[in-house]
Amino acid sequence: MNARTGILSGTDLVDEIKRLKEERNAIILAHYYQKPEIQDIADYVGDSLELSRKAQETDADVIAFCGVKFMAETAKILSPNKTVVLPDLDAGCSLEDSCPPDKFKAFREAHPDHIALTYINCSTEVKALSDIIVTSSSAEKILAQIPESQPIIFGPDKHLGGYLARKLNREMLLWPGVCIVHEAFSETELIKLKAQHPDAPVAAHPECPAHIVDHADYVGSTSGILNFAKSFPGDTLIVATEPHIIHQMEKALPEKTFIGAPGADGNCNCNICPYMALNTMEKLYRSLRDLTPQVHIEEELRLQAKKSLDRMLEMAGGTVGKGDLGAR
């Protein structure tokens, strides 16, 4: 027995995780920012919107969510009767941390005529205080359905909100949160890298600051970036988001070269999400073995948060009309 991990020496983690998954009638969901070995054992790999839908649709009894806490909480909000485990409960999010519920509540109350269009990277409590949740892949479509006369609060990511405001020419009050991963990219180093690969386009996530997005040939969600990687005509792509998504690109397109955009020190180490990295194969195995740590949400809070998530899922599918919207 390994004293540090609590796992018998010589345990084949891949085989044991597969065995436990069958035994528990479990599904393993993994975000694109997870380590390659976790992506490879997952039943489904996707971005926040895709994983939200998969959590809602699955008939599994157990959801093992390899991502960060707000993602696992989203799965629990949508599937309250399922057991949801997160390999490491400390896998948080800098955007969630930047938006405390009490301060967000006060901000809303100071602007009672505004609706809250809130990025999914937030706590359950903030979701419950919001009107509509968005993801990076659904935000533009949802925002386009909101009447231009309707004042909007957008949080917690000021960079995503600013990108949407510029692209759609919409004025919004922006909460001043940022993603520490996407903040770490260096414009100076990116320009140097572009000079070394003059024919390589840049694909960037809209959580990046404007001075990075301005250099991008494509801006989109993790799924959007992956699709762009599959369709662009060249052989080299510079990727300005968390570098673990490159694993999926290399699997799909082994003949192409993918380069992570650099941080201030000229490499990508600072752009690995420290929260996503907390999940490991050992922790995934233990979470399936012991069904801990589990995600629990008080029912009244869950129902309030579910309203904003349901609106996201409806509007992302285009089924909610403009007349359904209004300030709280």
C-alpha atoms as a PDB file:
ATOM      1  CA  MET A   1       0.000   0.000   0.000  1.00  0.00           C
ATOM      2  CA  ASN A   2       1.329   3.423  -0.959  1.00  0.00           C
ATOM      3  CA  ALA A   3       0.988   5.542   2.187  1.00  0.00           C
ATOM      4  CA  ARG A   4       0.701   8.764   0.188  1.00  0.00           C
ATOM      5  CA  THR A   5      -2.016   7.687  -2.251  1.00  0.00           C
ATOM      6  CA  GLY A   6      -3.737   4.885  -0.338  1.00  0.00           C
ATOM      7  CA  ILE A   7      -3.451   2.645  -3.412  1.00  0.00           C
ATOM      8  CA  LEU A   8      -1.924  -0.833  -3.487  1.00  0.00           C
ATOM      9  CA  SER A   9       1.466  -0.964  -5.131  1.00  0.00           C
ATOM     10  CA  GLY A  10       1.316  -2.388  -8.644  1.00  0.00           C
ATOM     11  CA  THR A  11      -2.317  -1.359  -9.191  1.00  0.00           C
ATOM     12  CA  ASP A  12      -3.072  -0.861 -12.886  1.00  0.00           C
ATOM     13  CA  LEU A  13      -4.987   2.396 -12.630  1.00  0.00           C
ATOM     14  CA  VAL A  14      -6.376   2.278 -16.162  1.00  0.00           C
ATOM     15  CA  ASP A  15      -7.796  -1.224 -15.702  1.00  0.00           C
ATOM     16  CA  GLU A  16      -9.115  -0.430 -12.227  1.00  0.00           C
ATOM     17  CA  ILE A  17     -10.788   2.795 -13.318  1.00  0.00           C
ATOM     18  CA  LYS A  18     -12.472   0.953 -16.188  1.00  0.00           C
ATOM     19  CA  ARG A  19     -13.590  -1.820 -13.816  1.00  0.00           C
ATOM     20  CA  LEU A  20     -14.974   0.619 -11.266  1.00  0.00           C
ATOM     21  CA  LYS A  21     -16.705   2.613 -13.973  1.00  0.00           C
ATOM     22  CA  GLU A  22     -18.650  -0.487 -15.020  1.00  0.00           C
ATOM     23  CA  GLU A  23     -19.295  -1.531 -11.431  1.00  0.00           C
ATOM     24  CA  ARG A  24     -20.642   1.908 -10.476  1.00  0.00           C
ATOM     25  CA  ASN A  25     -22.495   2.517 -13.756  1.00  0.00           C
ATOM     26  CA  ALA A  26     -20.412   5.668 -13.974  1.00  0.00           C
ATOM     27  CA  ILE A  27     -19.523   8.083 -16.751  1.00  0.00           C
ATOM     28  CA  ILE A  28     -16.232   9.983 -16.781  1.00  0.00           C
ATOM     29  CA  LEU A  29     -16.415  13.529 -18.140  1.00  0.00           C
ATOM     30  CA  ALA A  30     -13.205  15.441 -18.782  1.00  0.00           C
ATOM     31  CA  HIS A  31     -12.507  18.994 -19.848  1.00  0.00           C
ATOM     32  CA  TYR A  32     -10.012  19.697 -22.625  1.00  0.00           C
ATOM     33  CA  TYR A  33      -7.669  21.211 -20.018  1.00  0.00           C
ATOM     34  CA  GLN A  34      -7.199  17.910 -18.183  1.00  0.00           C
ATOM     35  CA  LYS A  35      -3.980  15.899 -18.407  1.00  0.00           C
ATOM     36  CA  PRO A  36      -3.739  13.636 -21.484  1.00  0.00           C
ATOM     37  CA  GLU A  37      -4.060  10.403 -19.506  1.00  0.00           C
ATOM     38  CA  ILE A  38      -7.350  11.607 -18.005  1.00  0.00           C
ATOM     39  CA  GLN A  39      -8.659  12.757 -21.396  1.00  0.00           C
ATOM     40  CA  ASP A  40      -7.803   9.340 -22.826  1.00  0.00           C
ATOM     41  CA  ILE A  41      -9.762   7.378 -20.224  1.00  0.00           C
ATOM     42  CA  ALA A  42     -12.794   9.681 -20.227  1.00  0.00           C
ATOM     43  CA  ASP A  43     -16.052   8.701 -21.904  1.00  0.00           C
ATOM     44  CA  TYR A  44     -16.465  12.239 -23.115  1.00  0.00           C
ATOM     45  CA  VAL A  45     -14.065  15.166 -23.513  1.00  0.00           C
ATOM     46  CA  GLY A  46     -15.462  18.615 -24.172  1.00  0.00           C
ATOM     47  CA  ASP A  47     -15.885  22.255 -23.240  1.00  0.00           C
ATOM     48  CA  SER A  48     -18.205  23.620 -20.565  1.00  0.00           C
ATOM     49  CA  LEU A  49     -21.347  23.680 -22.709  1.00  0.00           C
ATOM     50  CA  GLU A  50     -20.778  20.209 -24.146  1.00  0.00           C
ATOM     51  CA  LEU A  51     -20.083  18.748 -20.707  1.00  0.00           C
ATOM     52  CA  SER A  52     -23.160  20.462 -19.236  1.00  0.00           C
ATOM     53  CA  ARG A  53     -25.307  18.863 -21.897  1.00  0.00           C
ATOM     54  CA  LYS A  54     -23.682  15.480 -21.442  1.00  0.00           C
ATOM     55  CA  ALA A  55     -24.231  15.655 -17.664  1.00  0.00           C
ATOM     56  CA  GLN A  56     -27.892  16.391 -18.276  1.00  0.00           C
ATOM     57  CA  GLU A  57     -28.349  13.596 -20.828  1.00  0.00           C
ATOM     58  CA  THR A  58     -26.472  10.721 -19.210  1.00  0.00           C
ATOM     59  CA  ASP A  59     -28.324   7.764 -17.714  1.00  0.00           C
ATOM     60  CA  ALA A  60     -25.318   6.823 -15.579  1.00  0.00           C
ATOM     61  CA  ASP A  61     -25.739   6.619 -11.807  1.00  0.00           C
ATOM     62  CA  VAL A  62     -22.386   8.282 -11.122  1.00  0.00           C
ATOM     63  CA  ILE A  63     -20.735  11.234 -12.842  1.00  0.00           C
ATOM     64  CA  ALA A  64     -16.987  11.440 -12.289  1.00  0.00           C
ATOM     65  CA  PHE A  65     -16.222  14.980 -13.362  1.00  0.00           C
ATOM     66  CA  CYS A  66     -12.607  15.640 -14.233  1.00  0.00           C
ATOM     67  CA  GLY A  67     -12.555  19.390 -14.369  1.00  0.00           C
ATOM     68  CA  VAL A  68     -12.957  22.079 -11.735  1.00  0.00           C
ATOM     69  CA  LYS A  69     -15.488  22.491  -8.961  1.00  0.00           C
ATOM     70  CA  PHE A  70     -17.953  24.803 -10.724  1.00  0.00           C
ATOM     71  CA  MET A  71     -18.206  22.247 -13.554  1.00  0.00           C
ATOM     72  CA  ALA A  72     -18.981  19.392 -11.174  1.00  0.00           C
ATOM     73  CA  GLU A  73     -21.505  21.604  -9.390  1.00  0.00           C
ATOM     74  CA  THR A  74     -23.149  22.328 -12.740  1.00  0.00           C
ATOM     75  CA  ALA A  75     -23.513  18.591 -13.311  1.00  0.00           C
ATOM     76  CA  LYS A  76     -25.114  18.219  -9.872  1.00  0.00           C
ATOM     77  CA  ILE A  77     -27.481  21.140 -10.505  1.00  0.00           C
ATOM     78  CA  LEU A  78     -28.680  19.489 -13.717  1.00  0.00           C
ATOM     79  CA  SER A  79     -28.660  15.912 -12.351  1.00  0.00           C
ATOM     80  CA  PRO A  80     -29.565  16.104  -8.644  1.00  0.00           C
ATOM     81  CA  ASN A  81     -30.371  12.413  -8.320  1.00  0.00           C
ATOM     82  CA  LYS A  82     -26.988  11.305  -9.592  1.00  0.00           C
ATOM     83  CA  THR A  83     -23.855  10.935  -7.518  1.00  0.00           C
ATOM     84  CA  VAL A  84     -21.313  13.498  -8.717  1.00  0.00           C
ATOM     85  CA  VAL A  85     -17.689  13.091  -7.666  1.00  0.00           C
ATOM     86  CA  LEU A  86     -14.780  15.424  -8.314  1.00  0.00           C
ATOM     87  CA  PRO A  87     -11.318  13.860  -7.956  1.00  0.00           C
ATOM     88  CA  ASP A  88     -10.055  16.890  -5.992  1.00  0.00           C
ATOM     89  CA  LEU A  89     -12.458  19.332  -4.308  1.00  0.00           C
ATOM     90  CA  ASP A  90      -9.699  21.936  -4.221  1.00  0.00           C
ATOM     91  CA  ALA A  91      -9.838  22.187  -8.033  1.00  0.00           C
ATOM     92  CA  GLY A  92     -11.276  25.685  -8.114  1.00  0.00           C
ATOM     93  CA  CYS A  93     -11.182  28.590 -10.566  1.00  0.00           C
ATOM     94  CA  SER A  94      -9.660  32.065 -10.397  1.00  0.00           C
ATOM     95  CA  LEU A  95     -12.749  33.514 -12.110  1.00  0.00           C
ATOM     96  CA  GLU A  96     -15.027  31.986  -9.488  1.00  0.00           C
ATOM     97  CA  ASP A  97     -12.747  33.302  -6.740  1.00  0.00           C
ATOM     98  CA  SER A  98     -12.875  36.796  -8.256  1.00  0.00           C
ATOM     99  CA  CYS A  99     -16.661  37.034  -7.867  1.00  0.00           C
ATOM    100  CA  PRO A 100     -17.828  36.513  -4.239  1.00  0.00           C
ATOM    101  CA  PRO A 101     -21.616  36.041  -4.070  1.00  0.00           C
ATOM    102  CA  ASP A 102     -22.184  38.809  -1.523  1.00  0.00           C
ATOM    103  CA  LYS A 103     -20.369  41.387  -3.647  1.00  0.00           C
ATOM    104  CA  PHE A 104     -22.092  40.212  -6.815  1.00  0.00           C
ATOM    105  CA  LYS A 105     -25.470  40.476  -5.067  1.00  0.00           C
ATOM    106  CA  ALA A 106     -24.699  44.043  -4.011  1.00  0.00           C
ATOM    107  CA  PHE A 107     -23.596  44.896  -7.557  1.00  0.00           C
ATOM    108  CA  ARG A 108     -26.858  43.549  -8.940  1.00  0.00           C
ATOM    109  CA  GLU A 109     -28.884  45.497  -6.426  1.00  0.00           C
ATOM    110  CA  ALA A 110     -27.064  48.683  -7.420  1.00  0.00           C
ATOM    111  CA  HIS A 111     -28.217  48.140 -11.027  1.00  0.00           C
ATOM    112  CA  PRO A 112     -31.788  46.826 -10.735  1.00  0.00           C
ATOM    113  CA  ASP A 113     -32.679  47.508 -14.382  1.00  0.00           C
ATOM    114  CA  HIS A 114     -29.883  45.224 -15.654  1.00  0.00           C
ATOM    115  CA  ILE A 115     -30.084  41.507 -16.314  1.00  0.00           C
ATOM    116  CA  ALA A 116     -27.092  39.395 -15.308  1.00  0.00           C
ATOM    117  CA  LEU A 117     -25.511  37.488 -18.171  1.00  0.00           C
ATOM    118  CA  THR A 118     -22.991  35.397 -16.267  1.00  0.00           C
ATOM    119  CA  TYR A 119     -20.132  33.221 -17.491  1.00  0.00           C
ATOM    120  CA  ILE A 120     -20.399  29.636 -16.305  1.00  0.00           C
ATOM    121  CA  ASN A 121     -17.036  29.985 -14.502  1.00  0.00           C
ATOM    122  CA  CYS A 122     -18.706  31.051 -11.262  1.00  0.00           C
ATOM    123  CA  SER A 123     -20.067  29.548  -8.054  1.00  0.00           C
ATOM    124  CA  THR A 124     -23.509  27.993  -7.655  1.00  0.00           C
ATOM    125  CA  GLU A 125     -24.443  30.971  -5.478  1.00  0.00           C
ATOM    126  CA  VAL A 126     -23.588  33.417  -8.271  1.00  0.00           C
ATOM    127  CA  LYS A 127     -25.500  31.290 -10.778  1.00  0.00           C
ATOM    128  CA  ALA A 128     -28.509  31.577  -8.470  1.00  0.00           C
ATOM    129  CA  LEU A 129     -28.143  35.370  -8.556  1.00  0.00           C
ATOM    130  CA  SER A 130     -27.959  35.409 -12.367  1.00  0.00           C
ATOM    131  CA  ASP A 131     -30.566  35.504 -15.128  1.00  0.00           C
ATOM    132  CA  ILE A 132     -28.742  33.617 -17.866  1.00  0.00           C
ATOM    133  CA  ILE A 133     -25.541  31.577 -17.771  1.00  0.00           C
ATOM    134  CA  VAL A 134     -23.312  31.541 -20.843  1.00  0.00           C
ATOM    135  CA  THR A 135     -20.250  29.609 -21.943  1.00  0.00           C
ATOM    136  CA  SER A 136     -17.580  30.825 -24.324  1.00  0.00           C
ATOM    137  CA  SER A 137     -19.187  28.724 -27.071  1.00  0.00           C
ATOM    138  CA  SER A 138     -22.758  29.945 -26.422  1.00  0.00           C
ATOM    139  CA  ALA A 139     -22.259  33.556 -25.272  1.00  0.00           C
ATOM    140  CA  GLU A 140     -22.421  35.236 -28.671  1.00  0.00           C
ATOM    141  CA  LYS A 141     -25.547  33.366 -29.735  1.00  0.00           C
ATOM    142  CA  ILE A 142     -27.286  34.097 -26.443  1.00  0.00           C
ATOM    143  CA  LEU A 143     -26.285  37.760 -26.356  1.00  0.00           C
ATOM    144  CA  ALA A 144     -27.643  38.204 -29.888  1.00  0.00           C
ATOM    145  CA  GLN A 145     -31.100  37.155 -28.595  1.00  0.00           C
ATOM    146  CA  ILE A 146     -31.226  39.882 -25.950  1.00  0.00           C
ATOM    147  CA  PRO A 147     -32.864  43.152 -27.048  1.00  0.00           C
ATOM    148  CA  GLU A 148     -30.359  45.975 -27.523  1.00  0.00           C
ATOM    149  CA  SER A 149     -32.444  48.163 -25.224  1.00  0.00           C
ATOM    150  CA  GLN A 150     -31.902  45.764 -22.308  1.00  0.00           C
ATOM    151  CA  PRO A 151     -29.039  46.823 -19.969  1.00  0.00           C
ATOM    152  CA  ILE A 152     -26.695  43.950 -19.150  1.00  0.00           C
ATOM    153  CA  ILE A 153     -24.251  43.050 -16.403  1.00  0.00           C
ATOM    154  CA  PHE A 154     -21.596  40.612 -17.620  1.00  0.00           C
ATOM    155  CA  GLY A 155     -19.342  38.760 -15.223  1.00  0.00           C
ATOM    156  CA  PRO A 156     -17.079  37.487 -13.945  1.00  0.00           C
ATOM    157  CA  ASP A 157     -14.668  37.530 -16.943  1.00  0.00           C
ATOM    158  CA  LYS A 158     -13.969  41.078 -18.116  1.00  0.00           C
ATOM    159  CA  HIS A 159     -11.971  39.867 -21.108  1.00  0.00           C
ATOM    160  CA  LEU A 160     -14.734  37.620 -22.480  1.00  0.00           C
ATOM    161  CA  GLY A 161     -17.268  40.364 -21.772  1.00  0.00           C
ATOM    162  CA  GLY A 162     -15.088  42.958 -23.462  1.00  0.00           C
ATOM    163  CA  TYR A 163     -14.590  40.751 -26.504  1.00  0.00           C
ATOM    164  CA  LEU A 164     -18.344  40.244 -26.875  1.00  0.00           C
ATOM    165  CA  ALA A 165     -19.033  43.951 -26.370  1.00  0.00           C
ATOM    166  CA  ARG A 166     -16.562  44.880 -29.103  1.00  0.00           C
ATOM    167  CA  LYS A 167     -17.670  42.212 -31.552  1.00  0.00           C
ATOM    168  CA  LEU A 168     -21.419  42.781 -31.188  1.00  0.00           C
ATOM    169  CA  ASN A 169     -21.224  46.514 -30.416  1.00  0.00           C
ATOM    170  CA  ARG A 170     -23.051  46.024 -27.121  1.00  0.00           C
ATOM    171  CA  GLU A 171     -22.462  48.114 -24.038  1.00  0.00           C
ATOM    172  CA  MET A 172     -22.294  46.027 -20.864  1.00  0.00           C
ATOM    173  CA  LEU A 173     -21.261  46.571 -17.260  1.00  0.00           C
ATOM    174  CA  LEU A 174     -18.290  44.249 -16.778  1.00  0.00           C
ATOM    175  CA  TRP A 175     -17.306  42.525 -13.542  1.00  0.00           C
ATOM    176  CA  PRO A 176     -13.497  42.845 -13.193  1.00  0.00           C
ATOM    177  CA  GLY A 177     -12.556  39.149 -13.030  1.00  0.00           C
ATOM    178  CA  VAL A 178      -9.840  37.394 -15.054  1.00  0.00           C
ATOM    179  CA  CYS A 179      -8.568  33.876 -15.713  1.00  0.00           C
ATOM    180  CA  ILE A 180      -5.019  33.565 -14.387  1.00  0.00           C
ATOM    181  CA  VAL A 181      -4.122  31.155 -17.206  1.00  0.00           C
ATOM    182  CA  HIS A 182      -5.201  33.397 -20.060  1.00  0.00           C
ATOM    183  CA  GLU A 183      -3.796  36.486 -18.350  1.00  0.00           C
ATOM    184  CA  ALA A 184      -0.352  34.880 -18.421  1.00  0.00           C
ATOM    185  CA  PHE A 185       0.188  35.051 -22.174  1.00  0.00           C
ATOM    186  CA  SER A 186       2.802  37.583 -23.258  1.00  0.00           C
ATOM    187  CA  GLU A 187       2.150  39.823 -26.259  1.00  0.00           C
ATOM    188  CA  THR A 188       5.873  40.423 -26.717  1.00  0.00           C
ATOM    189  CA  GLU A 189       6.666  36.704 -26.738  1.00  0.00           C
ATOM    190  CA  LEU A 190       3.696  35.972 -29.002  1.00  0.00           C
ATOM    191  CA  ILE A 191       4.956  38.502 -31.541  1.00  0.00           C
ATOM    192  CA  LYS A 192       8.383  36.834 -31.442  1.00  0.00           C
ATOM    193  CA  LEU A 193       6.778  33.429 -31.985  1.00  0.00           C
ATOM    194  CA  LYS A 194       4.724  34.732 -34.907  1.00  0.00           C
ATOM    195  CA  ALA A 195       7.924  36.069 -36.479  1.00  0.00           C
ATOM    196  CA  GLN A 196       9.469  32.599 -36.206  1.00  0.00           C
ATOM    197  CA  HIS A 197       6.382  31.027 -37.839  1.00  0.00           C
ATOM    198  CA  PRO A 198       5.075  33.709 -40.204  1.00  0.00           C
ATOM    199  CA  ASP A 199       2.631  31.394 -41.953  1.00  0.00           C
ATOM    200  CA  ALA A 200       1.112  30.000 -38.757  1.00  0.00           C
ATOM    201  CA  PRO A 201      -2.284  31.397 -37.720  1.00  0.00           C
ATOM    202  CA  VAL A 202      -3.088  32.102 -34.072  1.00  0.00           C
ATOM    203  CA  ALA A 203      -6.173  30.647 -32.379  1.00  0.00           C
ATOM    204  CA  ALA A 204      -7.095  32.328 -29.082  1.00  0.00           C
ATOM    205  CA  HIS A 205      -9.677  31.839 -26.378  1.00  0.00           C
ATOM    206  CA  PRO A 206     -11.789  34.953 -25.651  1.00  0.00           C
ATOM    207  CA  GLU A 207     -10.715  34.796 -21.995  1.00  0.00           C
ATOM    208  CA  CYS A 208      -7.401  36.205 -23.267  1.00  0.00           C
ATOM    209  CA  PRO A 209      -6.791  39.961 -22.885  1.00  0.00           C
ATOM    210  CA  ALA A 210      -7.516  42.155 -25.909  1.00  0.00           C
ATOM    211  CA  HIS A 211      -3.804  42.591 -26.685  1.00  0.00           C
ATOM    212  CA  ILE A 212      -3.599  38.810 -27.289  1.00  0.00           C
ATOM    213  CA  VAL A 213      -6.952  38.471 -29.059  1.00  0.00           C
ATOM    214  CA  ASP A 214      -5.947  41.269 -31.434  1.00  0.00           C
ATOM    215  CA  HIS A 215      -3.195  39.012 -32.827  1.00  0.00           C
ATOM    216  CA  ALA A 216      -5.530  36.055 -33.368  1.00  0.00           C
ATOM    217  CA  ASP A 217      -6.766  34.770 -36.702  1.00  0.00           C
ATOM    218  CA  TYR A 218      -9.484  32.817 -34.904  1.00  0.00           C
ATOM    219  CA  VAL A 219     -11.135  33.526 -31.530  1.00  0.00           C
ATOM    220  CA  GLY A 220     -13.411  30.954 -29.942  1.00  0.00           C
ATOM    221  CA  SER A 221     -14.149  28.422 -27.236  1.00  0.00           C
ATOM    222  CA  THR A 222     -12.024  25.359 -26.648  1.00  0.00           C
ATOM    223  CA  SER A 223     -14.303  23.357 -28.957  1.00  0.00           C
ATOM    224  CA  GLY A 224     -14.178  26.134 -31.518  1.00  0.00           C
ATOM    225  CA  ILE A 225     -10.389  26.227 -31.405  1.00  0.00           C
ATOM    226  CA  LEU A 226     -10.264  22.453 -31.831  1.00  0.00           C
ATOM    227  CA  ASN A 227     -12.556  22.650 -34.853  1.00  0.00           C
ATOM    228  CA  PHE A 228     -10.424  25.442 -36.317  1.00  0.00           C
ATOM    229  CA  ALA A 229      -7.345  23.262 -35.855  1.00  0.00           C
ATOM    230  CA  LYS A 230      -9.045  20.566 -37.913  1.00  0.00           C
ATOM    231  CA  SER A 231     -10.033  22.927 -40.718  1.00  0.00           C
ATOM    232  CA  PHE A 232      -7.269  25.511 -41.230  1.00  0.00           C
ATOM    233  CA  PRO A 233      -5.246  24.825 -44.413  1.00  0.00           C
ATOM    234  CA  GLY A 234      -1.715  25.221 -43.038  1.00  0.00           C
ATOM    235  CA  ASP A 235       0.512  22.803 -41.148  1.00  0.00           C
ATOM    236  CA  THR A 236       1.343  24.856 -38.009  1.00  0.00           C
ATOM    237  CA  LEU A 237      -0.991  26.530 -35.500  1.00  0.00           C
ATOM    238  CA  ILE A 238      -0.199  28.745 -32.506  1.00  0.00           C
ATOM    239  CA  VAL A 239      -2.668  28.050 -29.696  1.00  0.00           C
ATOM    240  CA  ALA A 240      -3.456  30.706 -27.075  1.00  0.00           C
ATOM    241  CA  THR A 241      -5.339  28.774 -24.453  1.00  0.00           C
ATOM    242  CA  GLU A 242      -4.519  26.163 -21.804  1.00  0.00           C
ATOM    243  CA  PRO A 243      -2.047  23.875 -23.595  1.00  0.00           C
ATOM    244  CA  HIS A 244      -3.603  20.519 -22.665  1.00  0.00           C
ATOM    245  CA  ILE A 245      -6.108  20.993 -25.495  1.00  0.00           C
ATOM    246  CA  ILE A 246      -3.186  20.366 -27.854  1.00  0.00           C
ATOM    247  CA  HIS A 247      -3.427  16.685 -26.896  1.00  0.00           C
ATOM    248  CA  GLN A 248      -6.735  16.410 -28.757  1.00  0.00           C
ATOM    249  CA  MET A 249      -5.309  18.297 -31.725  1.00  0.00           C
ATOM    250  CA  GLU A 250      -2.309  16.006 -31.976  1.00  0.00           C
ATOM    251  CA  LYS A 251      -4.511  12.918 -31.759  1.00  0.00           C
ATOM    252  CA  ALA A 252      -6.779  14.162 -34.525  1.00  0.00           C
ATOM    253  CA  LEU A 253      -4.070  15.707 -36.717  1.00  0.00           C
ATOM    254  CA  PRO A 254      -0.707  14.031 -36.086  1.00  0.00           C
ATOM    255  CA  GLU A 255       0.653  15.444 -39.342  1.00  0.00           C
ATOM    256  CA  LYS A 256       0.294  19.043 -38.118  1.00  0.00           C
ATOM    257  CA  THR A 257       2.324  21.049 -35.584  1.00  0.00           C
ATOM    258  CA  PHE A 258       0.684  22.840 -32.663  1.00  0.00           C
ATOM    259  CA  ILE A 259       2.585  25.388 -30.586  1.00  0.00           C
ATOM    260  CA  GLY A 260       1.337  26.744 -27.289  1.00  0.00           C
ATOM    261  CA  ALA A 261       1.442  30.543 -27.066  1.00  0.00           C
ATOM    262  CA  PRO A 262       4.187  31.629 -24.666  1.00  0.00           C
ATOM    263  CA  GLY A 263       4.042  33.278 -21.284  1.00  0.00           C
ATOM    264  CA  ALA A 264       6.256  36.099 -20.090  1.00  0.00           C
ATOM    265  CA  ASP A 265       9.246  33.769 -19.669  1.00  0.00           C
ATOM    266  CA  GLY A 266       8.974  32.554 -23.258  1.00  0.00           C
ATOM    267  CA  ASN A 267       7.488  29.136 -22.480  1.00  0.00           C
ATOM    268  CA  CYS A 268       4.062  27.712 -21.667  1.00  0.00           C
ATOM    269  CA  ASN A 269       4.561  26.298 -18.164  1.00  0.00           C
ATOM    270  CA  CYS A 270       2.849  29.294 -16.573  1.00  0.00           C
ATOM    271  CA  ASN A 271      -0.184  28.697 -18.794  1.00  0.00           C
ATOM    272  CA  ILE A 272      -1.047  25.273 -17.380  1.00  0.00           C
ATOM    273  CA  CYS A 273      -4.121  25.662 -15.177  1.00  0.00           C
ATOM    274  CA  PRO A 274      -3.003  24.834 -11.624  1.00  0.00           C
ATOM    275  CA  TYR A 275      -6.561  23.953 -10.626  1.00  0.00           C
ATOM    276  CA  MET A 276      -7.170  21.507 -13.474  1.00  0.00           C
ATOM    277  CA  ALA A 277      -3.782  19.946 -12.714  1.00  0.00           C
ATOM    278  CA  LEU A 278      -4.955  18.906  -9.230  1.00  0.00           C
ATOM    279  CA  ASN A 279      -6.934  16.043 -10.757  1.00  0.00           C
ATOM    280  CA  THR A 280      -4.818  12.928 -11.256  1.00  0.00           C
ATOM    281  CA  MET A 281      -5.388   9.322 -12.255  1.00  0.00           C
ATOM    282  CA  GLU A 282      -4.824   8.269  -8.646  1.00  0.00           C
ATOM    283  CA  LYS A 283      -7.487  10.686  -7.415  1.00  0.00           C
ATOM    284  CA  LEU A 284      -9.905   9.638 -10.148  1.00  0.00           C
ATOM    285  CA  TYR A 285      -9.441   6.001  -9.146  1.00  0.00           C
ATOM    286  CA  ARG A 286     -10.070   6.791  -5.469  1.00  0.00           C
ATOM    287  CA  SER A 287     -13.126   8.903  -6.260  1.00  0.00           C
ATOM    288  CA  LEU A 288     -14.706   5.985  -8.133  1.00  0.00           C
ATOM    289  CA  ARG A 289     -13.608   3.456  -5.526  1.00  0.00           C
ATOM    290  CA  ASP A 290     -14.880   5.405  -2.503  1.00  0.00           C
ATOM    291  CA  LEU A 291     -17.467   7.673  -4.184  1.00  0.00           C
ATOM    292  CA  THR A 292     -15.798  10.632  -2.541  1.00  0.00           C
ATOM    293  CA  PRO A 293     -15.400  13.546  -2.601  1.00  0.00           C
ATOM    294  CA  GLN A 294     -19.016  14.123  -3.592  1.00  0.00           C
ATOM    295  CA  VAL A 295     -20.607  17.380  -4.658  1.00  0.00           C
ATOM    296  CA  HIS A 296     -23.653  18.397  -2.581  1.00  0.00           C
ATOM    297  CA  ILE A 297     -25.889  21.417  -3.142  1.00  0.00           C
ATOM    298  CA  GLU A 298     -28.793  22.553  -0.954  1.00  0.00           C
ATOM    299  CA  GLU A 299     -32.030  22.042  -2.878  1.00  0.00           C
ATOM    300  CA  GLU A 300     -33.397  25.597  -2.778  1.00  0.00           C
ATOM    301  CA  LEU A 301     -30.070  26.963  -4.000  1.00  0.00           C
ATOM    302  CA  ARG A 302     -29.874  24.268  -6.692  1.00  0.00           C
ATOM    303  CA  LEU A 303     -33.313  25.132  -8.056  1.00  0.00           C
ATOM    304  CA  GLN A 304     -32.520  28.840  -8.193  1.00  0.00           C
ATOM    305  CA  ALA A 305     -29.223  28.203  -9.990  1.00  0.00           C
ATOM    306  CA  LYS A 306     -30.890  25.752 -12.365  1.00  0.00           C
ATOM    307  CA  LYS A 307     -33.120  28.507 -13.765  1.00  0.00           C
ATOM    308  CA  SER A 308     -30.161  30.382 -15.228  1.00  0.00           C
ATOM    309  CA  LEU A 309     -28.565  27.166 -16.533  1.00  0.00           C
ATOM    310  CA  ASP A 310     -31.827  26.017 -18.133  1.00  0.00           C
ATOM    311  CA  ARG A 311     -32.050  29.355 -19.887  1.00  0.00           C
ATOM    312  CA  MET A 312     -28.543  28.871 -21.233  1.00  0.00           C
ATOM    313  CA  LEU A 313     -29.334  25.413 -22.567  1.00  0.00           C
ATOM    314  CA  GLU A 314     -32.586  26.633 -24.130  1.00  0.00           C
ATOM    315  CA  MET A 315     -31.107  29.755 -25.703  1.00  0.00           C
ATOM    316  CA  ALA A 316     -28.010  27.943 -26.924  1.00  0.00           C
ATOM    317  CA  GLY A 317     -30.465  25.815 -28.869  1.00  0.00           C
ATOM    318  CA  GLY A 318     -32.381  28.904 -29.975  1.00  0.00           C
ATOM    319  CA  THR A 319     -35.661  27.927 -28.309  1.00  0.00           C
ATOM    320  CA  VAL A 320     -36.194  30.971 -26.082  1.00  0.00           C
ATOM    321  CA  GLY A 321     -37.677  34.091 -27.664  1.00  0.00           C
ATOM    322  CA  LYS A 322     -36.732  37.685 -26.938  1.00  0.00           C
ATOM    323  CA  GLY A 323     -40.051  38.228 -25.223  1.00  0.00           C
ATOM    324  CA  ASP A 324     -38.996  35.809 -22.488  1.00  0.00           C
ATOM    325  CA  LEU A 325     -36.236  38.115 -21.295  1.00  0.00           C
ATOM    326  CA  GLY A 326     -36.390  40.884 -18.773  1.00  0.00           C
ATOM    327  CA  ALA A 327     -34.655  42.409 -15.769  1.00  0.00           C
ATOM    328  CA  ARG A 328     -34.997  40.712 -12.433  1.00  0.00           C
END
